[in-house]
């Protein structure tokens, strides 16, 4: 896909906003994974520039993988960091092969109700996980957010949030409230909405820095301390900067454990990427479609580069993608720009970025969460009918109470149930007409009649009234499953005679051998 300059200004500004959101998240995931903080930045840069360029998606943004934290933590402990990097490169190679084999088509089978439920659930989780940061309680410095889980088994439901209020900081609360007010104003006030050159989130970040500098001068008690600011690694020299890179172990590629980890990462990362890709296409304001196979190839190349340079594995990330769309991104230039900003920030302005309050970034994410978990979405899914609403709400609850992959899996099971139930109803068209000599019941089989329809057809035949006539017409049918044909034959031979029912078959193909039934 060629880059276009039509949306250059809006894409660059969106990239700036995503960069501000992605920066602490890259660091947080690295810390939570037991990796060097710089490893998260490496992956963020590669996910933005390399994967952003190679990807077919217009709005998806890649970076350190949220759902892989537990896998990474165990792998680094068991394998050591350099062998773990070999596993990351193996995972990337597997993803590249999956893309070349066109395995990305599985993404087309994710139902809309499940994707919508996943987005709403992530919105709820974002809000809950960011509220402590908004009031000045960031002990885990963003890392805990990426459990994709609302409930902490050790602390209980919402206990972390309640606990956080014991450590509320006035300065952080003021910064968060003003930041939210600025973002709302840029979304609602007509005069500010017309200012396309400056996104509200960027103004909020600048305001957060300025407010904290004012606190330092006039209200020392409100000053937001360093532990509640962005924490970007700094290097005093170019050699020290290069020293932050780690390279994989050649022996690691021969380690069976590294291959197990690599395969595991490839599977989980690919599923999360495909889910986020589908979600990103739904959020795309221009409603374009992305190639899942191209995305897998891009992710594979990105993970091989990340593993070689000492970074973490990556996926397409819904939080960054949501921020990207909300900031006005129209093409993948925004994702590339965010990667460039990450790279430049590490090289040029780490000291300035380290002045950004986490409360400001929390405010940006909370607004994103509110947009994802909009009441309008609940109303829309409700009005779409129970077949859409039930899988949707089950997915929301399951993702919130478990994690992303388990929740989506549960939602898919419920969605499949409704699909099968609907499919059984569409197996045939039932028509009953009153005649002088009794009832004539017309059953017109659908285009496809599979074994899934057997139970419904069996029940219908079993409840046919005595002394009636039934006409089973296969004129519109392309395929009838063997089990269904045997069911009809058995009914003609036995069930119909018990009730003295006359059965007439019409338009059945000769290869079905229905004349054998008597």
Protein backbone atom coordinates (compact mmCIF):
# COMPACT_ATOMS: atom_id res chain seq x y z
CA UNK A 1 0.00 0.00 0.00
CA UNK A 2 1.42 3.36 -1.00
CA UNK A 3 1.64 6.20 1.47
CA UNK A 4 -0.41 9.27 0.62
CA UNK A 5 0.16 12.91 1.52
CA UNK A 6 -3.56 13.76 1.49
CA UNK A 7 -3.85 13.29 5.25
CA UNK A 8 -0.23 14.14 6.08
CA UNK A 9 -0.96 16.76 8.76
CA UNK A 10 -3.67 14.80 10.56
CA UNK A 11 -1.62 11.59 10.44
CA UNK A 12 1.51 13.22 11.87
CA UNK A 13 -0.48 14.78 14.71
CA UNK A 14 -2.20 11.46 15.38
CA UNK A 15 1.22 9.81 15.44
CA UNK A 16 2.31 12.32 18.08
CA UNK A 17 -0.66 11.45 20.29
CA UNK A 18 -0.10 7.70 19.89
CA UNK A 19 3.57 8.21 20.70
CA UNK A 20 2.65 9.93 23.97
CA UNK A 21 0.32 7.07 24.87
CA UNK A 22 2.69 4.34 23.68
CA UNK A 23 5.81 5.63 25.44
CA UNK A 24 4.86 4.73 29.03
CA UNK A 25 3.11 1.57 27.86
CA UNK A 26 6.26 0.33 26.11
CA UNK A 27 8.21 0.89 29.31
CA UNK A 28 5.48 -0.60 31.51
CA UNK A 29 5.20 -3.81 29.51
CA UNK A 30 8.98 -4.26 29.53
CA UNK A 31 9.14 -3.82 33.31
CA UNK A 32 6.17 -6.13 33.89
CA UNK A 33 7.79 -8.75 31.61
CA UNK A 34 11.06 -8.75 33.54
CA UNK A 35 12.94 -7.24 30.57
CA UNK A 36 15.09 -4.11 30.35
CA UNK A 37 12.91 -0.97 29.92
CA UNK A 38 14.77 -0.16 26.69
CA UNK A 39 13.51 -3.45 25.18
CA UNK A 40 9.98 -2.05 25.16
CA UNK A 41 11.15 1.06 23.30
CA UNK A 42 12.96 -1.06 20.69
CA UNK A 43 9.77 -2.98 19.97
CA UNK A 44 7.69 0.19 19.87
CA UNK A 45 10.02 1.73 17.29
CA UNK A 46 10.08 -1.39 15.11
CA UNK A 47 6.32 -1.89 15.47
CA UNK A 48 5.76 1.67 14.35
CA UNK A 49 8.26 2.08 11.53
CA UNK A 50 8.87 -1.41 10.09
CA UNK A 51 5.52 -3.08 10.73
CA UNK A 52 3.68 0.18 10.06
CA UNK A 53 5.27 0.36 6.62
CA UNK A 54 4.86 -3.34 5.74
CA UNK A 55 1.33 -3.67 7.11
CA UNK A 56 -1.75 -3.38 4.92
CA UNK A 57 -3.76 -1.79 7.74
CA UNK A 58 -4.48 1.93 7.68
CA UNK A 59 -5.06 2.47 11.41
CA UNK A 60 -3.61 -0.50 13.31
CA UNK A 61 -0.59 0.25 15.52
CA UNK A 62 1.82 -2.44 16.73
CA UNK A 63 4.02 -2.57 19.80
CA UNK A 64 5.00 -4.66 22.84
CA UNK A 65 2.47 -7.42 23.32
CA UNK A 66 0.12 -7.05 26.26
CA UNK A 67 -1.15 -10.61 26.24
CA UNK A 68 2.38 -12.06 26.19
CA UNK A 69 3.64 -10.68 29.50
CA UNK A 70 3.16 -13.93 31.44
CA UNK A 71 4.78 -15.98 28.67
CA UNK A 72 7.72 -13.56 28.38
CA UNK A 73 8.29 -13.43 32.15
CA UNK A 74 8.51 -17.21 32.45
CA UNK A 75 10.58 -17.56 29.26
CA UNK A 76 13.20 -15.02 30.35
CA UNK A 77 13.50 -16.73 33.74
CA UNK A 78 13.87 -20.21 32.22
CA UNK A 79 15.94 -19.44 29.14
CA UNK A 80 17.91 -16.31 29.94
CA UNK A 81 17.46 -13.14 27.95
CA UNK A 82 19.64 -13.94 24.93
CA UNK A 83 18.06 -17.36 24.36
CA UNK A 84 14.65 -15.74 24.82
CA UNK A 85 15.53 -13.35 21.98
CA UNK A 86 16.24 -16.41 19.81
CA UNK A 87 12.70 -17.60 20.63
CA UNK A 88 11.31 -14.21 19.56
CA UNK A 89 13.05 -14.54 16.19
CA UNK A 90 11.68 -18.10 15.84
CA UNK A 91 8.19 -16.77 16.57
CA UNK A 92 8.62 -14.11 13.90
CA UNK A 93 9.72 -16.69 11.32
CA UNK A 94 6.66 -18.83 12.11
CA UNK A 95 4.35 -15.82 11.70
CA UNK A 96 5.98 -15.02 8.36
CA UNK A 97 5.36 -18.60 7.21
CA UNK A 98 1.73 -18.40 8.41
CA UNK A 99 1.27 -15.23 6.39
CA UNK A 100 2.80 -16.78 3.28
CA UNK A 101 0.55 -19.82 3.78
CA UNK A 102 -2.46 -17.46 3.89
CA UNK A 103 -3.49 -18.56 7.38
CA UNK A 104 -4.78 -15.08 8.17
CA UNK A 105 -8.16 -15.94 6.68
CA UNK A 106 -9.27 -17.15 10.10
CA UNK A 107 -9.87 -13.51 11.04
CA UNK A 108 -12.90 -13.42 8.73
CA UNK A 109 -14.68 -15.84 11.06
CA UNK A 110 -14.69 -13.53 14.09
CA UNK A 111 -18.34 -12.40 14.50
CA UNK A 112 -19.09 -8.69 14.79
CA UNK A 113 -20.83 -9.20 18.14
CA UNK A 114 -17.67 -10.73 19.63
CA UNK A 115 -15.39 -8.01 18.26
CA UNK A 116 -17.72 -5.29 19.57
CA UNK A 117 -17.83 -7.03 22.95
CA UNK A 118 -14.03 -7.21 23.06
CA UNK A 119 -13.74 -3.48 22.34
CA UNK A 120 -16.26 -2.54 25.05
CA UNK A 121 -14.54 -4.83 27.58
CA UNK A 122 -11.15 -3.30 26.83
CA UNK A 123 -12.69 0.15 27.26
CA UNK A 124 -13.97 -0.84 30.72
CA UNK A 125 -10.59 -2.31 31.66
CA UNK A 126 -8.75 0.80 30.47
CA UNK A 127 -10.93 3.03 32.65
CA UNK A 128 -10.55 0.85 35.73
CA UNK A 129 -6.81 0.38 35.33
CA UNK A 130 -6.10 4.04 34.57
CA UNK A 131 -8.12 5.60 37.39
CA UNK A 132 -5.36 4.90 39.99
CA UNK A 133 -2.84 6.64 37.73
CA UNK A 134 -5.22 9.57 37.33
CA UNK A 135 -5.24 10.14 41.10
CA UNK A 136 -1.50 9.73 41.50
CA UNK A 137 -1.09 6.08 42.43
CA UNK A 138 1.26 4.50 39.86
CA UNK A 139 3.35 2.07 41.85
CA UNK A 140 3.43 -0.42 38.98
CA UNK A 141 4.00 2.32 36.39
CA UNK A 142 1.43 1.10 33.85
CA UNK A 143 2.61 -2.51 33.89
CA UNK A 144 -0.42 -3.93 35.69
CA UNK A 145 -2.82 -2.62 33.05
CA UNK A 146 -1.68 -5.24 30.63
CA UNK A 147 -3.12 -8.16 32.50
CA UNK A 148 -6.25 -7.30 30.45
CA UNK A 149 -8.13 -8.29 33.57
CA UNK A 150 -10.44 -6.29 35.79
CA UNK A 151 -10.23 -8.56 38.81
CA UNK A 152 -7.08 -9.27 40.82
CA UNK A 153 -7.40 -12.70 42.39
CA UNK A 154 -5.23 -11.62 45.32
CA UNK A 155 -7.01 -8.33 46.00
CA UNK A 156 -10.60 -8.86 44.90
CA UNK A 157 -13.00 -6.89 42.73
CA UNK A 158 -12.06 -3.21 42.38
CA UNK A 159 -9.94 -3.46 45.56
CA UNK A 160 -6.91 -1.96 43.80
CA UNK A 161 -8.95 1.11 42.92
CA UNK A 162 -10.28 1.44 46.47
CA UNK A 163 -6.76 0.97 47.80
CA UNK A 164 -5.47 3.63 45.42
CA UNK A 165 -7.71 6.31 46.92
CA UNK A 166 -5.73 5.98 50.14
CA UNK A 167 -2.77 7.39 48.21
CA UNK A 168 -4.59 10.04 46.19
CA UNK A 169 -2.45 13.04 45.30
CA UNK A 170 -4.05 16.46 44.89
CA UNK A 171 -1.67 17.62 42.16
CA UNK A 172 -2.24 14.49 40.07
CA UNK A 173 -6.02 14.80 40.45
CA UNK A 174 -5.94 18.45 39.35
CA UNK A 175 -3.80 17.57 36.32
CA UNK A 176 -6.09 14.66 35.37
CA UNK A 177 -9.28 16.74 35.68
CA UNK A 178 -7.87 19.62 33.63
CA UNK A 179 -6.52 17.18 31.03
CA UNK A 180 -9.95 15.54 30.67
CA UNK A 181 -11.59 18.96 30.47
CA UNK A 182 -9.23 19.98 27.65
CA UNK A 183 -9.91 16.78 25.68
CA UNK A 184 -13.68 17.13 26.15
CA UNK A 185 -13.51 20.78 25.10
CA UNK A 186 -11.64 19.89 21.90
CA UNK A 187 -14.33 17.28 21.15
CA UNK A 188 -17.38 19.39 22.02
CA UNK A 189 -16.65 23.12 21.66
CA UNK A 190 -17.26 24.11 17.98
CA UNK A 191 -14.42 26.66 17.87
CA UNK A 192 -11.91 24.16 19.22
CA UNK A 193 -13.20 21.31 17.04
CA UNK A 194 -12.25 23.39 14.00
CA UNK A 195 -8.60 23.44 15.09
CA UNK A 196 -7.45 20.33 13.23
CA UNK A 197 -3.75 21.18 13.46
CA UNK A 198 -3.51 20.54 17.22
CA UNK A 199 -5.22 17.52 18.84
CA UNK A 200 -6.71 17.95 22.29
CA UNK A 201 -4.57 15.14 23.72
CA UNK A 202 -1.37 16.99 22.78
CA UNK A 203 -2.65 20.17 24.42
CA UNK A 204 -3.47 18.12 27.52
CA UNK A 205 0.10 16.78 27.68
CA UNK A 206 1.57 20.27 27.38
CA UNK A 207 -0.85 21.53 30.03
CA UNK A 208 0.18 18.69 32.35
CA UNK A 209 3.87 19.60 32.08
CA UNK A 210 3.15 23.33 32.59
CA UNK A 211 0.87 22.71 35.58
CA UNK A 212 3.46 20.62 37.36
CA UNK A 213 6.10 23.30 36.74
CA UNK A 214 3.69 25.83 38.27
CA UNK A 215 3.19 23.54 41.28
CA UNK A 216 6.96 23.47 41.78
CA UNK A 217 6.98 27.28 42.04
CA UNK A 218 3.79 28.07 43.97
CA UNK A 219 2.36 24.86 45.53
CA UNK A 220 5.11 22.45 46.62
CA UNK A 221 2.58 20.10 48.27
CA UNK A 222 0.92 19.53 44.90
CA UNK A 223 4.15 18.75 43.01
CA UNK A 224 3.99 15.42 41.14
CA UNK A 225 7.13 13.51 42.05
CA UNK A 226 9.45 11.70 39.62
CA UNK A 227 7.94 8.27 40.34
CA UNK A 228 4.62 9.57 38.97
CA UNK A 229 6.16 10.97 35.78
CA UNK A 230 7.15 9.22 32.55
CA UNK A 231 10.36 7.28 33.10
CA UNK A 232 12.37 7.07 29.87
CA UNK A 233 15.86 5.47 29.93
CA UNK A 234 18.64 8.00 29.33
CA UNK A 235 22.16 7.52 27.98
CA UNK A 236 25.02 9.96 28.55
CA UNK A 237 26.90 8.96 25.40
CA UNK A 238 26.35 7.24 22.08
CA UNK A 239 28.37 4.23 23.24
CA UNK A 240 26.13 3.97 26.30
CA UNK A 241 23.11 4.13 24.01
CA UNK A 242 24.46 1.28 21.85
CA UNK A 243 25.17 -0.68 25.03
CA UNK A 244 21.43 -0.92 25.66
CA UNK A 245 21.02 -3.32 22.71
CA UNK A 246 21.23 -7.09 23.33
CA UNK A 247 21.60 -9.74 20.64
CA UNK A 248 20.22 -13.28 20.56
CA UNK A 249 22.29 -16.35 21.32
CA UNK A 250 23.17 -18.45 18.27
CA UNK A 251 22.95 -21.57 20.44
CA UNK A 252 19.41 -20.57 21.37
CA UNK A 253 18.15 -21.56 17.91
CA UNK A 254 19.14 -25.16 18.70
CA UNK A 255 17.46 -25.14 22.11
CA UNK A 256 14.17 -27.16 22.07
CA UNK A 257 12.76 -24.99 24.88
CA UNK A 258 13.32 -21.89 22.76
CA UNK A 259 11.31 -23.47 19.97
CA UNK A 260 8.43 -24.27 22.34
CA UNK A 261 8.41 -20.66 23.53
CA UNK A 262 8.70 -19.41 19.95
CA UNK A 263 5.73 -21.49 18.78
CA UNK A 264 3.68 -20.36 21.80
CA UNK A 265 4.46 -16.70 21.16
CA UNK A 266 3.68 -17.07 17.44
CA UNK A 267 0.25 -18.59 18.12
CA UNK A 268 -0.86 -16.17 20.84
CA UNK A 269 0.59 -13.10 19.11
CA UNK A 270 -1.04 -14.04 15.80
CA UNK A 271 -4.47 -14.50 17.38
CA UNK A 272 -4.24 -11.19 19.24
CA UNK A 273 -3.04 -9.44 16.09
CA UNK A 274 -5.90 -10.80 13.98
CA UNK A 275 -8.44 -9.82 16.66
CA UNK A 276 -7.03 -6.30 16.87
CA UNK A 277 -6.84 -6.04 13.09
CA UNK A 278 -10.57 -6.84 12.81
CA UNK A 279 -11.35 -4.36 15.59
CA UNK A 280 -9.21 -1.70 13.92
CA UNK A 281 -11.06 -2.11 10.62
CA UNK A 282 -14.35 -1.61 12.46
CA UNK A 283 -13.03 1.64 13.99
CA UNK A 284 -11.56 2.90 10.70
CA UNK A 285 -13.49 6.08 9.85
CA UNK A 286 -13.15 5.31 6.13
CA UNK A 287 -14.30 1.67 6.62
CA UNK A 288 -11.47 0.02 4.69
CA UNK A 289 -10.44 -3.63 4.90
CA UNK A 290 -6.98 -4.91 5.79
CA UNK A 291 -5.23 -8.05 4.57
CA UNK A 292 -4.77 -10.45 7.48
CA UNK A 293 -2.11 -12.40 5.58
CA UNK A 294 -0.09 -9.26 4.89
CA UNK A 295 -0.41 -8.33 8.56
CA UNK A 296 0.95 -11.71 9.68
CA UNK A 297 3.91 -11.32 7.33
CA UNK A 298 4.57 -7.80 8.60
CA UNK A 299 4.34 -8.94 12.24
CA UNK A 300 6.67 -11.84 11.50
CA UNK A 301 9.33 -9.60 9.99
CA UNK A 302 8.87 -7.13 12.86
CA UNK A 303 9.35 -9.82 15.50
CA UNK A 304 12.46 -11.15 13.78
CA UNK A 305 13.98 -7.66 13.78
CA UNK A 306 12.89 -7.04 17.38
CA UNK A 307 14.39 -10.32 18.55
CA UNK A 308 17.66 -9.58 16.74
CA UNK A 309 18.01 -6.12 18.34
CA UNK A 310 17.01 -7.15 21.86
CA UNK A 311 13.33 -6.18 21.87
CA UNK A 312 10.15 -7.85 23.07
CA UNK A 313 7.65 -9.66 20.84
CA UNK A 314 4.89 -7.49 19.41
CA UNK A 315 1.31 -7.65 18.23
CA UNK A 316 -1.18 -5.19 16.82
CA UNK A 317 -2.36 -3.40 19.98
CA UNK A 318 -5.94 -2.24 20.48
CA UNK A 319 -5.07 0.55 22.96
CA UNK A 320 -2.67 2.22 20.54
CA UNK A 321 -5.00 1.59 17.61
CA UNK A 322 -7.92 3.18 19.49
CA UNK A 323 -5.78 6.19 20.38
CA UNK A 324 -4.70 6.42 16.74
CA UNK A 325 -8.26 6.46 15.38
CA UNK A 326 -9.50 8.87 18.06
CA UNK A 327 -6.62 11.24 17.28
CA UNK A 328 -7.75 11.47 13.64
CA UNK A 329 -5.45 9.03 11.83
CA UNK A 330 -6.44 8.17 8.27
CA UNK A 331 -3.47 6.19 6.92
CA UNK A 332 -0.60 4.08 8.20
CA UNK A 333 1.64 7.15 8.10
CA UNK A 334 0.37 7.82 11.64
CA UNK A 335 1.71 4.48 12.90
CA UNK A 336 5.05 5.07 11.18
CA UNK A 337 5.25 8.60 12.60
CA UNK A 338 4.63 7.33 16.13
CA UNK A 339 7.60 4.97 15.70
CA UNK A 340 9.79 7.81 14.45
CA UNK A 341 8.80 9.95 17.44
CA UNK A 342 9.70 7.09 19.80
CA UNK A 343 13.13 6.79 18.20
CA UNK A 344 13.80 10.55 18.20
CA UNK A 345 12.61 10.89 21.79
CA UNK A 346 15.08 8.29 23.03
CA UNK A 347 17.93 9.98 21.17
CA UNK A 348 17.13 13.66 21.64
CA UNK A 349 14.64 14.67 24.34
CA UNK A 350 14.40 12.07 27.11
CA UNK A 351 14.70 14.75 29.80
CA UNK A 352 11.68 16.72 28.48
CA UNK A 353 9.51 13.63 28.11
CA UNK A 354 10.35 12.61 31.65
CA UNK A 355 8.42 15.69 32.81
CA UNK A 356 5.08 14.35 31.53
CA UNK A 357 2.78 13.40 34.44
CA UNK A 358 1.34 9.90 34.28
CA UNK A 359 -1.98 11.48 35.34
CA UNK A 360 -2.17 13.27 31.98
CA UNK A 361 -1.61 10.08 30.02
CA UNK A 362 -4.17 8.33 32.24
CA UNK A 363 -6.69 11.05 31.37
CA UNK A 364 -6.11 10.46 27.64
CA UNK A 365 -6.61 6.71 28.05
CA UNK A 366 -9.72 7.13 30.22
CA UNK A 367 -11.33 9.19 27.45
CA UNK A 368 -10.42 6.46 24.96
CA UNK A 369 -11.95 3.88 27.31
CA UNK A 370 -15.18 5.87 27.58
CA UNK A 371 -15.44 6.03 23.82
CA UNK A 372 -14.87 2.27 23.45
CA UNK A 373 -17.38 1.41 26.20
CA UNK A 374 -20.00 3.84 24.94
CA UNK A 375 -23.64 3.42 26.02
CA UNK A 376 -24.51 3.84 22.34
CA UNK A 377 -22.79 0.53 21.59
CA UNK A 378 -24.88 -1.29 24.19
CA UNK A 379 -28.08 0.24 22.76
CA UNK A 380 -27.06 -0.62 19.19
CA UNK A 381 -26.32 -4.26 20.06
CA UNK A 382 -29.58 -4.53 22.04
CA UNK A 383 -31.62 -3.31 19.08
CA UNK A 384 -29.77 -5.78 16.81
CA UNK A 385 -31.58 -8.68 18.51
CA UNK A 386 -30.73 -11.39 21.02
CA UNK A 387 -28.65 -13.33 18.51
CA UNK A 388 -26.22 -10.38 18.46
CA UNK A 389 -26.69 -9.00 21.97
CA UNK A 390 -26.14 -12.21 23.96
CA UNK A 391 -22.72 -13.09 22.43
CA UNK A 392 -21.79 -9.40 22.74
CA UNK A 393 -22.59 -9.10 26.46
CA UNK A 394 -21.09 -12.52 27.23
CA UNK A 395 -17.85 -11.44 25.54
CA UNK A 396 -17.80 -8.20 27.53
CA UNK A 397 -18.23 -10.01 30.84
CA UNK A 398 -15.85 -12.84 29.94
CA UNK A 399 -13.00 -10.53 28.83
CA UNK A 400 -13.46 -8.31 31.89
CA UNK A 401 -13.46 -11.22 34.33
CA UNK A 402 -10.79 -13.40 32.67
CA UNK A 403 -8.50 -12.09 29.95
CA UNK A 404 -8.56 -11.16 26.27
CA UNK A 405 -8.08 -14.56 24.62
CA UNK A 406 -10.23 -16.55 27.07
CA UNK A 407 -12.99 -13.97 26.93
CA UNK A 408 -13.05 -13.90 23.14
CA UNK A 409 -13.02 -17.70 23.10
CA UNK A 410 -16.08 -17.83 25.37
CA UNK A 411 -17.81 -15.22 23.23
CA UNK A 412 -17.07 -17.26 20.09
CA UNK A 413 -18.60 -20.39 21.64
CA UNK A 414 -21.81 -18.50 22.48
CA UNK A 415 -21.88 -16.91 19.03
CA UNK A 416 -21.42 -20.30 17.35
CA UNK A 417 -24.35 -21.66 19.37
CA UNK A 418 -26.63 -18.93 18.00
CA UNK A 419 -25.29 -19.47 14.48
CA UNK A 420 -26.02 -23.20 14.68
CA UNK A 421 -29.44 -22.54 16.16
CA UNK A 422 -30.26 -20.15 13.32
CA UNK A 423 -28.82 -22.56 10.77
CA UNK A 424 -31.13 -25.32 11.98
CA UNK A 425 -34.14 -23.06 11.51
CA UNK A 426 -33.09 -22.30 7.94
CA UNK A 427 -32.80 -25.96 6.92
CA UNK A 428 -36.21 -25.95 5.30
CA UNK A 429 -39.37 -23.95 4.73
CA UNK A 430 -42.48 -25.48 6.30
CA UNK A 431 -45.88 -24.92 4.71
CA UNK A 432 -49.17 -26.62 5.65
CA UNK A 433 -52.35 -26.35 3.57
CA UNK A 434 -55.87 -27.59 4.36
CA UNK A 435 -57.51 -29.71 1.66
CA UNK A 436 -60.78 -31.67 1.41
CA UNK A 437 -59.01 -35.01 1.55
CA UNK A 438 -56.82 -34.06 4.53
CA UNK A 439 -53.73 -32.02 5.14
CA UNK A 440 -50.95 -31.51 2.63
CA UNK A 441 -47.71 -30.43 4.25
CA UNK A 442 -45.02 -28.91 2.04
CA UNK A 443 -41.38 -29.02 3.18
CA UNK A 444 -38.99 -27.15 0.86
CA UNK A 445 -35.37 -27.94 1.71
CA UNK A 446 -32.87 -25.08 1.73
CA UNK A 447 -29.79 -24.74 -0.49
CA UNK A 448 -27.49 -26.41 2.05
CA UNK A 449 -28.78 -29.09 4.45
CA UNK A 450 -26.01 -30.30 6.77
CA UNK A 451 -25.89 -32.77 9.65
CA UNK A 452 -26.51 -29.78 11.93
CA UNK A 453 -30.05 -29.64 10.55
CA UNK A 454 -30.78 -33.29 11.30
CA UNK A 455 -32.30 -32.71 14.76
CA UNK A 456 -34.71 -30.02 13.54
CA UNK A 457 -35.90 -32.07 10.55
CA UNK A 458 -36.26 -35.19 12.72
CA UNK A 459 -38.46 -33.30 15.19
CA UNK A 460 -40.63 -31.91 12.39
CA UNK A 461 -41.19 -35.34 10.84
CA UNK A 462 -41.97 -36.86 14.23
CA UNK A 463 -44.76 -34.32 14.85
CA UNK A 464 -46.52 -34.67 11.50
CA UNK A 465 -50.24 -35.44 12.01
CA UNK A 466 -51.68 -38.85 11.17
CA UNK A 467 -53.49 -39.47 7.88
CA UNK A 468 -51.66 -36.52 6.25
CA UNK A 469 -49.66 -36.08 3.10
CA UNK A 470 -46.16 -34.57 3.14
CA UNK A 471 -44.26 -33.32 0.10
CA UNK A 472 -40.49 -32.94 0.57
CA UNK A 473 -39.06 -30.81 -2.24
CA UNK A 474 -35.31 -30.56 -2.96
CA UNK A 475 -35.62 -28.27 -5.99
CA UNK A 476 -33.46 -25.51 -4.48
CA UNK A 477 -30.99 -27.82 -2.75
CA UNK A 478 -27.36 -28.11 -3.80
CA UNK A 479 -26.18 -30.36 -0.98
CA UNK A 480 -27.90 -32.73 1.46
CA UNK A 481 -25.86 -34.45 4.15
CA UNK A 482 -25.86 -38.28 4.17
CA UNK A 483 -27.29 -38.38 7.72
CA UNK A 484 -30.28 -36.28 6.65
CA UNK A 485 -30.91 -38.51 3.62
CA UNK A 486 -30.86 -41.60 5.86
CA UNK A 487 -33.29 -39.88 8.23
CA UNK A 488 -35.76 -39.23 5.39
CA UNK A 489 -35.38 -42.79 4.09
CA UNK A 490 -36.05 -44.25 7.54
CA UNK A 491 -39.12 -42.04 7.91
CA UNK A 492 -40.47 -43.23 4.57
CA UNK A 493 -39.84 -46.88 5.42
CA UNK A 494 -41.05 -46.92 9.01
CA UNK A 495 -42.24 -43.70 10.70
CA UNK A 496 -44.65 -42.65 7.96
CA UNK A 497 -46.32 -46.08 7.83
CA UNK A 498 -46.97 -46.08 11.57
CA UNK A 499 -49.05 -42.89 11.18
CA UNK A 500 -50.39 -43.72 7.70
CA UNK A 501 -48.66 -40.65 6.23
CA UNK A 502 -48.16 -40.42 2.48
CA UNK A 503 -44.65 -39.16 1.60
CA UNK A 504 -43.87 -37.64 -1.79
CA UNK A 505 -40.27 -36.75 -2.73
CA UNK A 506 -39.70 -34.18 -5.46
CA UNK A 507 -36.55 -33.05 -7.29
CA UNK A 508 -34.09 -35.24 -5.36
CA UNK A 509 -30.89 -35.96 -7.30
CA UNK A 510 -30.50 -39.47 -8.67
CA UNK A 511 -27.25 -40.02 -6.76
CA UNK A 512 -29.18 -39.77 -3.49
CA UNK A 513 -30.81 -43.16 -4.33
CA UNK A 514 -34.04 -42.16 -2.64
CA UNK A 515 -36.00 -44.71 -4.70
CA UNK A 516 -34.51 -47.36 -2.43
CA UNK A 517 -36.76 -46.14 0.38
CA UNK A 518 -40.14 -47.78 0.43
